[in-house]
């Protein structure tokens, strides 16, 4: 499993997510399973990532980058 930690908002990060999507699609063609971990920012691209066929773990806790508990994910 390959994880992509990428956020986007209405202000910043869209290009990073799109580059990660391109890489994830190429890896999928090679038989690799990819999943995204994204913060639920305003203007995020979570639905776009899901539309491309990838699972997304959403960080709900806006105070930490890597929550200590699984409860911070949806």
C-alpha atoms as a PDB file:
ATOM      1  CA  UNK A   1       0.000   0.000   0.000  1.00  0.00           C
ATOM      2  CA  UNK A   2       1.298   3.427  -0.928  1.00  0.00           C
ATOM      3  CA  UNK A   3      -0.053   6.414   0.976  1.00  0.00           C
ATOM      4  CA  UNK A   4      -0.141   9.967  -0.324  1.00  0.00           C
ATOM      5  CA  UNK A   5      -0.389  12.665   2.338  1.00  0.00           C
ATOM      6  CA  UNK A   6      -1.716  15.646   0.437  1.00  0.00           C
ATOM      7  CA  UNK A   7      -3.950  18.554   1.329  1.00  0.00           C
ATOM      8  CA  UNK A   8      -5.627  21.195  -0.759  1.00  0.00           C
ATOM      9  CA  UNK A   9      -7.750  24.194   0.035  1.00  0.00           C
ATOM     10  CA  UNK A  10      -9.287  27.096  -1.786  1.00  0.00           C
ATOM     11  CA  UNK A  11      -5.970  28.933  -1.183  1.00  0.00           C
ATOM     12  CA  UNK A  12      -3.131  26.425  -1.717  1.00  0.00           C
ATOM     13  CA  UNK A  13      -2.237  22.810  -2.488  1.00  0.00           C
ATOM     14  CA  UNK A  14      -4.265  21.999  -5.596  1.00  0.00           C
ATOM     15  CA  UNK A  15      -1.181  21.444  -7.755  1.00  0.00           C
ATOM     16  CA  UNK A  16       0.357  19.102  -5.194  1.00  0.00           C
ATOM     17  CA  UNK A  17      -2.777  16.955  -5.073  1.00  0.00           C
ATOM     18  CA  UNK A  18      -2.979  16.814  -8.867  1.00  0.00           C
ATOM     19  CA  UNK A  19       0.681  15.735  -9.140  1.00  0.00           C
ATOM     20  CA  UNK A  20       0.085  13.051  -6.505  1.00  0.00           C
ATOM     21  CA  UNK A  21      -2.970  11.845  -8.454  1.00  0.00           C
ATOM     22  CA  UNK A  22      -0.869  11.537 -11.600  1.00  0.00           C
ATOM     23  CA  UNK A  23       1.730   9.478  -9.743  1.00  0.00           C
ATOM     24  CA  UNK A  24      -0.957   7.335  -8.064  1.00  0.00           C
ATOM     25  CA  UNK A  25      -2.556   6.547 -11.437  1.00  0.00           C
ATOM     26  CA  UNK A  26       0.804   5.465 -12.844  1.00  0.00           C
ATOM     27  CA  UNK A  27       1.447   3.272  -9.807  1.00  0.00           C
ATOM     28  CA  UNK A  28      -2.024   1.746 -10.095  1.00  0.00           C
ATOM     29  CA  UNK A  29      -1.198   0.712 -13.670  1.00  0.00           C
ATOM     30  CA  UNK A  30       1.798  -1.127 -12.212  1.00  0.00           C
ATOM     31  CA  UNK A  31      -0.494  -3.004  -9.825  1.00  0.00           C
ATOM     32  CA  UNK A  32       0.150  -0.921  -6.711  1.00  0.00           C
ATOM     33  CA  UNK A  33      -2.657   0.035  -4.318  1.00  0.00           C
ATOM     34  CA  UNK A  34      -2.666   3.697  -3.372  1.00  0.00           C
ATOM     35  CA  UNK A  35      -4.608   5.611  -0.767  1.00  0.00           C
ATOM     36  CA  UNK A  36      -4.736   9.310   0.088  1.00  0.00           C
ATOM     37  CA  UNK A  37      -4.716  10.970   3.493  1.00  0.00           C
ATOM     38  CA  UNK A  38      -6.165  14.477   3.340  1.00  0.00           C
ATOM     39  CA  UNK A  39      -7.225  17.181   5.753  1.00  0.00           C
ATOM     40  CA  UNK A  40     -10.827  18.345   5.410  1.00  0.00           C
ATOM     41  CA  UNK A  41      -9.959  21.938   4.444  1.00  0.00           C
ATOM     42  CA  UNK A  42     -12.407  24.298   2.783  1.00  0.00           C
ATOM     43  CA  UNK A  43     -11.985  23.804  -0.969  1.00  0.00           C
ATOM     44  CA  UNK A  44     -10.357  20.375  -0.643  1.00  0.00           C
ATOM     45  CA  UNK A  45     -10.131  17.903  -3.543  1.00  0.00           C
ATOM     46  CA  UNK A  46     -11.284  14.829  -1.636  1.00  0.00           C
ATOM     47  CA  UNK A  47     -14.223  14.128  -3.964  1.00  0.00           C
ATOM     48  CA  UNK A  48     -11.979  14.559  -7.030  1.00  0.00           C
ATOM     49  CA  UNK A  49      -9.572  11.971  -5.624  1.00  0.00           C
ATOM     50  CA  UNK A  50     -12.458   9.580  -4.941  1.00  0.00           C
ATOM     51  CA  UNK A  51     -13.832  10.134  -8.449  1.00  0.00           C
ATOM     52  CA  UNK A  52     -10.462   8.965  -9.758  1.00  0.00           C
ATOM     53  CA  UNK A  53     -11.042   5.687  -7.904  1.00  0.00           C
ATOM     54  CA  UNK A  54      -8.818   6.115  -4.850  1.00  0.00           C
ATOM     55  CA  UNK A  55      -9.718   5.656  -1.204  1.00  0.00           C
ATOM     56  CA  UNK A  56      -9.296   8.739   0.977  1.00  0.00           C
ATOM     57  CA  UNK A  57      -8.755   8.863   4.726  1.00  0.00           C
ATOM     58  CA  UNK A  58      -9.927  12.265   5.943  1.00  0.00           C
ATOM     59  CA  UNK A  59      -8.212  13.994   8.855  1.00  0.00           C
ATOM     60  CA  UNK A  60     -10.961  15.586  10.914  1.00  0.00           C
ATOM     61  CA  UNK A  61      -8.734  16.954  13.686  1.00  0.00           C
ATOM     62  CA  UNK A  62      -7.428  20.287  12.421  1.00  0.00           C
ATOM     63  CA  UNK A  63      -4.921  20.638  15.262  1.00  0.00           C
ATOM     64  CA  UNK A  64      -2.524  17.818  14.368  1.00  0.00           C
ATOM     65  CA  UNK A  65      -0.887  16.563  11.220  1.00  0.00           C
ATOM     66  CA  UNK A  66      -0.797  12.933  12.358  1.00  0.00           C
ATOM     67  CA  UNK A  67      -3.500  12.244  14.946  1.00  0.00           C
ATOM     68  CA  UNK A  68      -2.561   9.876  17.750  1.00  0.00           C
ATOM     69  CA  UNK A  69      -5.901   8.092  17.550  1.00  0.00           C
ATOM     70  CA  UNK A  70      -7.803   6.528  14.671  1.00  0.00           C
ATOM     71  CA  UNK A  71     -10.832   8.509  15.882  1.00  0.00           C
ATOM     72  CA  UNK A  72      -9.448  11.581  14.112  1.00  0.00           C
ATOM     73  CA  UNK A  73     -10.041   9.933  10.731  1.00  0.00           C
ATOM     74  CA  UNK A  74     -13.306   9.405   8.956  1.00  0.00           C
END
